[in-house]
């Protein structure tokens, strides 16, 4: 019996040590979000893709040479008239971002979207871009949860960043912190800001269906659920 227990304990310790080793190796090799690590150009340009200037063929060329982009995942999306409207791709290890896409209109990039779930915190984003000028907030509802969907807006810099904060039962506000995870970052040409606000590019909800509010950004702290 004692020998059996020793064997079980030994196996448990082995698997625990293996899990710790794998975690250490993964953390040692992981890269920060491409929002932070990109040194090719400054926002709203990303890895050489410039909203309003880069065309679709150039996008394919850039993605084809970027480390961390899964080349087999790059795919186009067309509308019902066979016009190219989007190019999608997945990132691969060691890049921690999830997916990326560019919106296309008349063969030119209008926006760049990077899904940054678990790869980017607000403190890091603000270190790159500074603090936003304003934000949009709206209550969302999912399965067994309520959350506040907040879009931080940089109209003059050509950036929007979405964060999703769970709402505790009975709460009338949520707290946004430097460690809050960023869900998605979007780059766009600043001159197109007002036009893009009418679409789902910056705020992922049709303008006619929105029920939230805009407010000036005043720093980290609490955000009311409704105004």
C-alpha atoms as a PDB file:
ATOM      1  CA  UNK A   1       0.000   0.000   0.000  1.00  0.00           C
ATOM      2  CA  UNK A   2       2.838   2.383   0.919  1.00  0.00           C
ATOM      3  CA  UNK A   3       4.583   1.569  -2.364  1.00  0.00           C
ATOM      4  CA  UNK A   4       1.383   2.321  -4.292  1.00  0.00           C
ATOM      5  CA  UNK A   5       0.960   5.676  -2.542  1.00  0.00           C
ATOM      6  CA  UNK A   6       4.565   6.585  -3.318  1.00  0.00           C
ATOM      7  CA  UNK A   7       3.953   5.786  -6.973  1.00  0.00           C
ATOM      8  CA  UNK A   8       0.802   7.930  -7.059  1.00  0.00           C
ATOM      9  CA  UNK A   9       2.541  10.829  -5.302  1.00  0.00           C
ATOM     10  CA  UNK A  10       5.492  10.509  -7.686  1.00  0.00           C
ATOM     11  CA  UNK A  11       3.221  10.640 -10.728  1.00  0.00           C
ATOM     12  CA  UNK A  12       1.351  13.657  -9.370  1.00  0.00           C
ATOM     13  CA  UNK A  13       4.594  15.505  -8.701  1.00  0.00           C
ATOM     14  CA  UNK A  14       5.858  14.621 -12.172  1.00  0.00           C
ATOM     15  CA  UNK A  15       2.767  16.009 -13.907  1.00  0.00           C
ATOM     16  CA  UNK A  16       2.802  19.142 -11.739  1.00  0.00           C
ATOM     17  CA  UNK A  17       6.481  19.729 -12.533  1.00  0.00           C
ATOM     18  CA  UNK A  18       5.825  19.134 -16.242  1.00  0.00           C
ATOM     19  CA  UNK A  19       2.928  21.609 -16.241  1.00  0.00           C
ATOM     20  CA  UNK A  20       5.053  24.236 -14.502  1.00  0.00           C
ATOM     21  CA  UNK A  21       7.918  23.688 -16.936  1.00  0.00           C
ATOM     22  CA  UNK A  22       5.594  24.031 -19.933  1.00  0.00           C
ATOM     23  CA  UNK A  23       4.118  27.228 -18.495  1.00  0.00           C
ATOM     24  CA  UNK A  24       7.577  28.695 -17.932  1.00  0.00           C
ATOM     25  CA  UNK A  25       8.669  27.793 -21.450  1.00  0.00           C
ATOM     26  CA  UNK A  26       5.521  29.279 -22.972  1.00  0.00           C
ATOM     27  CA  UNK A  27       5.835  32.509 -20.983  1.00  0.00           C
ATOM     28  CA  UNK A  28       9.516  32.775 -21.898  1.00  0.00           C
ATOM     29  CA  UNK A  29       8.781  32.462 -25.629  1.00  0.00           C
ATOM     30  CA  UNK A  30       5.534  34.420 -25.837  1.00  0.00           C
ATOM     31  CA  UNK A  31       5.550  37.809 -27.516  1.00  0.00           C
ATOM     32  CA  UNK A  32       3.510  40.870 -26.552  1.00  0.00           C
ATOM     33  CA  UNK A  33       0.579  41.927 -28.669  1.00  0.00           C
ATOM     34  CA  UNK A  34       1.548  43.136 -32.123  1.00  0.00           C
ATOM     35  CA  UNK A  35      -0.038  46.440 -31.113  1.00  0.00           C
ATOM     36  CA  UNK A  36       2.969  46.878 -28.797  1.00  0.00           C
ATOM     37  CA  UNK A  37       5.703  45.004 -30.664  1.00  0.00           C
ATOM     38  CA  UNK A  38       5.088  46.492 -34.130  1.00  0.00           C
ATOM     39  CA  UNK A  39       8.102  48.628 -35.062  1.00  0.00           C
ATOM     40  CA  UNK A  40       7.370  48.865 -38.791  1.00  0.00           C
ATOM     41  CA  UNK A  41       5.392  52.105 -38.510  1.00  0.00           C
ATOM     42  CA  UNK A  42       3.374  54.210 -36.087  1.00  0.00           C
ATOM     43  CA  UNK A  43      -0.418  53.950 -35.509  1.00  0.00           C
ATOM     44  CA  UNK A  44      -2.748  54.057 -37.309  1.00  0.00           C
ATOM     45  CA  UNK A  45      -0.322  52.226 -39.570  1.00  0.00           C
ATOM     46  CA  UNK A  46       0.245  48.582 -38.554  1.00  0.00           C
ATOM     47  CA  UNK A  47       3.122  46.453 -39.896  1.00  0.00           C
ATOM     48  CA  UNK A  48       3.282  48.589 -43.018  1.00  0.00           C
ATOM     49  CA  UNK A  49      -0.481  48.564 -43.666  1.00  0.00           C
ATOM     50  CA  UNK A  50      -1.765  52.142 -43.795  1.00  0.00           C
ATOM     51  CA  UNK A  51      -5.537  52.806 -43.781  1.00  0.00           C
ATOM     52  CA  UNK A  52      -6.523  54.873 -46.788  1.00  0.00           C
ATOM     53  CA  UNK A  53      -3.299  54.097 -48.686  1.00  0.00           C
ATOM     54  CA  UNK A  54      -2.543  50.356 -48.761  1.00  0.00           C
ATOM     55  CA  UNK A  55      -4.360  48.263 -51.380  1.00  0.00           C
ATOM     56  CA  UNK A  56      -5.450  44.621 -51.187  1.00  0.00           C
ATOM     57  CA  UNK A  57      -2.528  43.159 -53.129  1.00  0.00           C
ATOM     58  CA  UNK A  58      -0.087  44.964 -50.831  1.00  0.00           C
ATOM     59  CA  UNK A  59      -1.916  43.536 -47.804  1.00  0.00           C
ATOM     60  CA  UNK A  60      -1.427  39.983 -49.097  1.00  0.00           C
ATOM     61  CA  UNK A  61       2.261  40.701 -49.671  1.00  0.00           C
ATOM     62  CA  UNK A  62       2.749  42.125 -46.171  1.00  0.00           C
ATOM     63  CA  UNK A  63       0.906  39.261 -44.464  1.00  0.00           C
ATOM     64  CA  UNK A  64       2.960  36.775 -46.477  1.00  0.00           C
ATOM     65  CA  UNK A  65       6.194  37.976 -44.917  1.00  0.00           C
ATOM     66  CA  UNK A  66       5.032  38.692 -41.350  1.00  0.00           C
ATOM     67  CA  UNK A  67       6.255  36.336 -38.639  1.00  0.00           C
ATOM     68  CA  UNK A  68       3.421  35.247 -36.384  1.00  0.00           C
ATOM     69  CA  UNK A  69       0.766  35.268 -39.118  1.00  0.00           C
ATOM     70  CA  UNK A  70      -0.539  31.827 -40.069  1.00  0.00           C
ATOM     71  CA  UNK A  71      -0.098  31.981 -43.831  1.00  0.00           C
ATOM     72  CA  UNK A  72      -2.629  29.187 -44.472  1.00  0.00           C
ATOM     73  CA  UNK A  73      -5.311  31.118 -42.591  1.00  0.00           C
ATOM     74  CA  UNK A  74      -5.306  34.267 -44.736  1.00  0.00           C
ATOM     75  CA  UNK A  75      -8.680  34.431 -46.470  1.00  0.00           C
ATOM     76  CA  UNK A  76     -10.728  37.010 -48.396  1.00  0.00           C
ATOM     77  CA  UNK A  77     -14.376  37.923 -47.792  1.00  0.00           C
ATOM     78  CA  UNK A  78     -16.640  39.197 -50.583  1.00  0.00           C
ATOM     79  CA  UNK A  79     -20.049  40.850 -50.651  1.00  0.00           C
ATOM     80  CA  UNK A  80     -22.987  39.628 -52.738  1.00  0.00           C
ATOM     81  CA  UNK A  81     -21.625  41.506 -55.759  1.00  0.00           C
ATOM     82  CA  UNK A  82     -18.222  39.788 -55.475  1.00  0.00           C
ATOM     83  CA  UNK A  83     -16.496  42.926 -54.221  1.00  0.00           C
ATOM     84  CA  UNK A  84     -13.646  42.272 -51.782  1.00  0.00           C
ATOM     85  CA  UNK A  85     -14.669  43.742 -48.420  1.00  0.00           C
ATOM     86  CA  UNK A  86     -12.325  42.100 -45.916  1.00  0.00           C
ATOM     87  CA  UNK A  87      -9.161  40.028 -45.535  1.00  0.00           C
ATOM     88  CA  UNK A  88      -8.915  37.800 -42.439  1.00  0.00           C
ATOM     89  CA  UNK A  89      -6.077  35.880 -40.814  1.00  0.00           C
ATOM     90  CA  UNK A  90      -5.079  34.046 -37.624  1.00  0.00           C
ATOM     91  CA  UNK A  91      -1.978  34.697 -35.578  1.00  0.00           C
ATOM     92  CA  UNK A  92       0.168  31.789 -34.435  1.00  0.00           C
ATOM     93  CA  UNK A  93       2.526  31.166 -31.506  1.00  0.00           C
ATOM     94  CA  UNK A  94       4.525  32.925 -30.166  1.00  0.00           C
ATOM     95  CA  UNK A  95       2.240  35.861 -31.024  1.00  0.00           C
ATOM     96  CA  UNK A  96      -0.564  35.984 -28.444  1.00  0.00           C
ATOM     97  CA  UNK A  97      -3.110  37.960 -30.484  1.00  0.00           C
ATOM     98  CA  UNK A  98      -6.065  35.945 -31.788  1.00  0.00           C
ATOM     99  CA  UNK A  99      -7.127  37.105 -35.231  1.00  0.00           C
ATOM    100  CA  UNK A 100      -6.637  40.081 -37.512  1.00  0.00           C
ATOM    101  CA  UNK A 101      -8.537  41.576 -40.400  1.00  0.00           C
ATOM    102  CA  UNK A 102      -8.538  44.584 -42.679  1.00  0.00           C
ATOM    103  CA  UNK A 103     -11.662  46.219 -44.069  1.00  0.00           C
ATOM    104  CA  UNK A 104     -11.465  46.940 -47.797  1.00  0.00           C
ATOM    105  CA  UNK A 105     -13.400  49.492 -49.843  1.00  0.00           C
ATOM    106  CA  UNK A 106     -12.620  50.249 -53.483  1.00  0.00           C
ATOM    107  CA  UNK A 107      -9.486  48.084 -53.121  1.00  0.00           C
ATOM    108  CA  UNK A 108      -8.083  50.255 -50.299  1.00  0.00           C
ATOM    109  CA  UNK A 109      -7.783  49.428 -46.590  1.00  0.00           C
ATOM    110  CA  UNK A 110     -10.228  51.469 -44.517  1.00  0.00           C
ATOM    111  CA  UNK A 111      -9.558  49.884 -41.103  1.00  0.00           C
ATOM    112  CA  UNK A 112      -7.313  47.341 -39.374  1.00  0.00           C
ATOM    113  CA  UNK A 113      -8.735  45.125 -36.611  1.00  0.00           C
ATOM    114  CA  UNK A 114      -6.619  43.113 -34.154  1.00  0.00           C
ATOM    115  CA  UNK A 115      -8.316  40.776 -31.663  1.00  0.00           C
ATOM    116  CA  UNK A 116      -6.160  41.155 -28.554  1.00  0.00           C
ATOM    117  CA  UNK A 117      -8.002  39.022 -25.974  1.00  0.00           C
ATOM    118  CA  UNK A 118      -5.523  38.051 -23.206  1.00  0.00           C
ATOM    119  CA  UNK A 119      -2.579  39.644 -25.030  1.00  0.00           C
ATOM    120  CA  UNK A 120      -2.919  43.344 -24.172  1.00  0.00           C
ATOM    121  CA  UNK A 121      -3.702  45.396 -21.054  1.00  0.00           C
ATOM    122  CA  UNK A 122      -4.835  49.010 -20.987  1.00  0.00           C
ATOM    123  CA  UNK A 123      -1.601  50.146 -19.336  1.00  0.00           C
ATOM    124  CA  UNK A 124       0.358  48.782 -22.309  1.00  0.00           C
ATOM    125  CA  UNK A 125      -2.039  50.298 -24.833  1.00  0.00           C
ATOM    126  CA  UNK A 126      -1.818  53.702 -23.145  1.00  0.00           C
ATOM    127  CA  UNK A 127       1.963  53.411 -23.113  1.00  0.00           C
ATOM    128  CA  UNK A 128       1.791  53.079 -26.896  1.00  0.00           C
ATOM    129  CA  UNK A 129      -1.000  55.528 -27.737  1.00  0.00           C
ATOM    130  CA  UNK A 130      -1.553  57.686 -24.694  1.00  0.00           C
ATOM    131  CA  UNK A 131      -4.994  57.983 -23.108  1.00  0.00           C
ATOM    132  CA  UNK A 132      -8.174  58.217 -25.207  1.00  0.00           C
ATOM    133  CA  UNK A 133     -10.169  61.353 -25.844  1.00  0.00           C
ATOM    134  CA  UNK A 134     -13.601  59.846 -25.237  1.00  0.00           C
ATOM    135  CA  UNK A 135     -15.443  56.566 -24.865  1.00  0.00           C
ATOM    136  CA  UNK A 136     -18.676  54.848 -25.764  1.00  0.00           C
ATOM    137  CA  UNK A 137     -20.382  52.562 -23.205  1.00  0.00           C
ATOM    138  CA  UNK A 138     -23.362  50.237 -23.507  1.00  0.00           C
ATOM    139  CA  UNK A 139     -24.688  47.374 -21.394  1.00  0.00           C
ATOM    140  CA  UNK A 140     -24.546  43.990 -23.092  1.00  0.00           C
ATOM    141  CA  UNK A 141     -26.123  40.702 -22.093  1.00  0.00           C
ATOM    142  CA  UNK A 142     -24.776  37.230 -22.650  1.00  0.00           C
ATOM    143  CA  UNK A 143     -25.584  33.811 -21.289  1.00  0.00           C
ATOM    144  CA  UNK A 144     -25.976  34.209 -17.512  1.00  0.00           C
ATOM    145  CA  UNK A 145     -24.048  37.489 -17.428  1.00  0.00           C
ATOM    146  CA  UNK A 146     -24.282  41.223 -17.960  1.00  0.00           C
ATOM    147  CA  UNK A 147     -21.306  43.295 -19.039  1.00  0.00           C
ATOM    148  CA  UNK A 148     -20.387  46.827 -20.004  1.00  0.00           C
ATOM    149  CA  UNK A 149     -19.005  47.109 -23.508  1.00  0.00           C
ATOM    150  CA  UNK A 150     -16.687  50.122 -23.587  1.00  0.00           C
ATOM    151  CA  UNK A 151     -15.054  51.497 -26.736  1.00  0.00           C
ATOM    152  CA  UNK A 152     -12.187  53.909 -26.060  1.00  0.00           C
ATOM    153  CA  UNK A 153     -11.918  56.463 -28.851  1.00  0.00           C
ATOM    154  CA  UNK A 154      -8.897  58.279 -30.293  1.00  0.00           C
ATOM    155  CA  UNK A 155     -10.445  60.304 -33.152  1.00  0.00           C
ATOM    156  CA  UNK A 156      -7.328  62.361 -33.904  1.00  0.00           C
ATOM    157  CA  UNK A 157      -4.948  59.391 -33.717  1.00  0.00           C
ATOM    158  CA  UNK A 158      -7.091  56.957 -35.688  1.00  0.00           C
ATOM    159  CA  UNK A 159      -7.622  54.304 -33.038  1.00  0.00           C
ATOM    160  CA  UNK A 160     -10.436  52.636 -31.111  1.00  0.00           C
ATOM    161  CA  UNK A 161     -10.041  49.995 -28.392  1.00  0.00           C
ATOM    162  CA  UNK A 162     -12.830  47.812 -27.013  1.00  0.00           C
ATOM    163  CA  UNK A 163     -12.905  46.447 -23.467  1.00  0.00           C
ATOM    164  CA  UNK A 164     -15.570  44.247 -21.895  1.00  0.00           C
ATOM    165  CA  UNK A 165     -16.138  44.457 -18.122  1.00  0.00           C
ATOM    166  CA  UNK A 166     -18.453  42.095 -16.239  1.00  0.00           C
ATOM    167  CA  UNK A 167     -21.192  43.738 -14.147  1.00  0.00           C
ATOM    168  CA  UNK A 168     -21.655  42.475 -10.596  1.00  0.00           C
ATOM    169  CA  UNK A 169     -25.200  41.866  -9.369  1.00  0.00           C
ATOM    170  CA  UNK A 170     -26.824  45.105  -8.271  1.00  0.00           C
ATOM    171  CA  UNK A 171     -23.914  47.295  -9.393  1.00  0.00           C
ATOM    172  CA  UNK A 172     -24.546  50.742 -10.840  1.00  0.00           C
ATOM    173  CA  UNK A 173     -21.025  51.219 -12.142  1.00  0.00           C
ATOM    174  CA  UNK A 174     -17.937  49.265 -13.164  1.00  0.00           C
ATOM    175  CA  UNK A 175     -14.261  49.993 -12.642  1.00  0.00           C
ATOM    176  CA  UNK A 176     -11.792  50.335 -15.464  1.00  0.00           C
ATOM    177  CA  UNK A 177      -8.172  49.762 -14.414  1.00  0.00           C
ATOM    178  CA  UNK A 178      -4.707  49.787 -15.929  1.00  0.00           C
ATOM    179  CA  UNK A 179      -4.813  45.973 -15.815  1.00  0.00           C
ATOM    180  CA  UNK A 180      -8.113  45.716 -17.697  1.00  0.00           C
ATOM    181  CA  UNK A 181      -7.755  43.452 -20.729  1.00  0.00           C
ATOM    182  CA  UNK A 182      -8.300  44.912 -24.185  1.00  0.00           C
ATOM    183  CA  UNK A 183     -10.647  42.875 -26.371  1.00  0.00           C
ATOM    184  CA  UNK A 184     -10.002  44.485 -29.752  1.00  0.00           C
ATOM    185  CA  UNK A 185      -8.012  47.341 -31.294  1.00  0.00           C
ATOM    186  CA  UNK A 186      -9.016  49.082 -34.517  1.00  0.00           C
ATOM    187  CA  UNK A 187      -6.893  51.486 -36.565  1.00  0.00           C
ATOM    188  CA  UNK A 188      -8.360  53.864 -39.156  1.00  0.00           C
ATOM    189  CA  UNK A 189      -7.546  57.064 -41.017  1.00  0.00           C
ATOM    190  CA  UNK A 190      -8.502  59.941 -38.656  1.00  0.00           C
ATOM    191  CA  UNK A 191     -10.340  61.819 -41.404  1.00  0.00           C
ATOM    192  CA  UNK A 192     -12.800  58.911 -41.740  1.00  0.00           C
ATOM    193  CA  UNK A 193     -13.794  58.903 -38.055  1.00  0.00           C
ATOM    194  CA  UNK A 194     -17.276  60.413 -38.393  1.00  0.00           C
ATOM    195  CA  UNK A 195     -18.170  58.168 -41.331  1.00  0.00           C
ATOM    196  CA  UNK A 196     -16.931  55.027 -39.546  1.00  0.00           C
ATOM    197  CA  UNK A 197     -18.994  55.886 -36.450  1.00  0.00           C
ATOM    198  CA  UNK A 198     -22.081  55.304 -38.584  1.00  0.00           C
ATOM    199  CA  UNK A 199     -20.941  51.742 -39.322  1.00  0.00           C
ATOM    200  CA  UNK A 200     -20.011  48.777 -37.129  1.00  0.00           C
ATOM    201  CA  UNK A 201     -16.283  49.315 -37.665  1.00  0.00           C
ATOM    202  CA  UNK A 202     -15.526  51.221 -34.456  1.00  0.00           C
ATOM    203  CA  UNK A 203     -18.531  50.286 -32.335  1.00  0.00           C
ATOM    204  CA  UNK A 204     -19.654  46.747 -33.070  1.00  0.00           C
ATOM    205  CA  UNK A 205     -23.371  47.502 -33.182  1.00  0.00           C
ATOM    206  CA  UNK A 206     -25.509  49.111 -35.868  1.00  0.00           C
ATOM    207  CA  UNK A 207     -25.939  52.830 -35.147  1.00  0.00           C
ATOM    208  CA  UNK A 208     -29.726  52.578 -35.258  1.00  0.00           C
ATOM    209  CA  UNK A 209     -29.698  49.872 -32.562  1.00  0.00           C
ATOM    210  CA  UNK A 210     -27.353  51.560 -30.088  1.00  0.00           C
ATOM    211  CA  UNK A 211     -28.662  52.490 -26.652  1.00  0.00           C
ATOM    212  CA  UNK A 212     -25.472  53.515 -24.868  1.00  0.00           C
ATOM    213  CA  UNK A 213     -23.762  56.871 -24.495  1.00  0.00           C
ATOM    214  CA  UNK A 214     -20.638  58.855 -25.374  1.00  0.00           C
ATOM    215  CA  UNK A 215     -18.598  60.550 -22.645  1.00  0.00           C
ATOM    216  CA  UNK A 216     -15.230  62.308 -22.356  1.00  0.00           C
ATOM    217  CA  UNK A 217     -12.429  60.156 -20.930  1.00  0.00           C
ATOM    218  CA  UNK A 218     -11.392  61.292 -17.443  1.00  0.00           C
ATOM    219  CA  UNK A 219      -8.917  58.568 -16.475  1.00  0.00           C
ATOM    220  CA  UNK A 220      -9.015  55.223 -14.738  1.00  0.00           C
ATOM    221  CA  UNK A 221     -11.784  54.721 -12.226  1.00  0.00           C
ATOM    222  CA  UNK A 222     -15.501  54.013 -12.305  1.00  0.00           C
ATOM    223  CA  UNK A 223     -17.802  54.205 -15.302  1.00  0.00           C
ATOM    224  CA  UNK A 224     -21.566  54.495 -14.698  1.00  0.00           C
ATOM    225  CA  UNK A 225     -23.736  51.874 -16.344  1.00  0.00           C
ATOM    226  CA  UNK A 226     -26.167  54.456 -17.669  1.00  0.00           C
ATOM    227  CA  UNK A 227     -26.325  58.217 -18.168  1.00  0.00           C
END
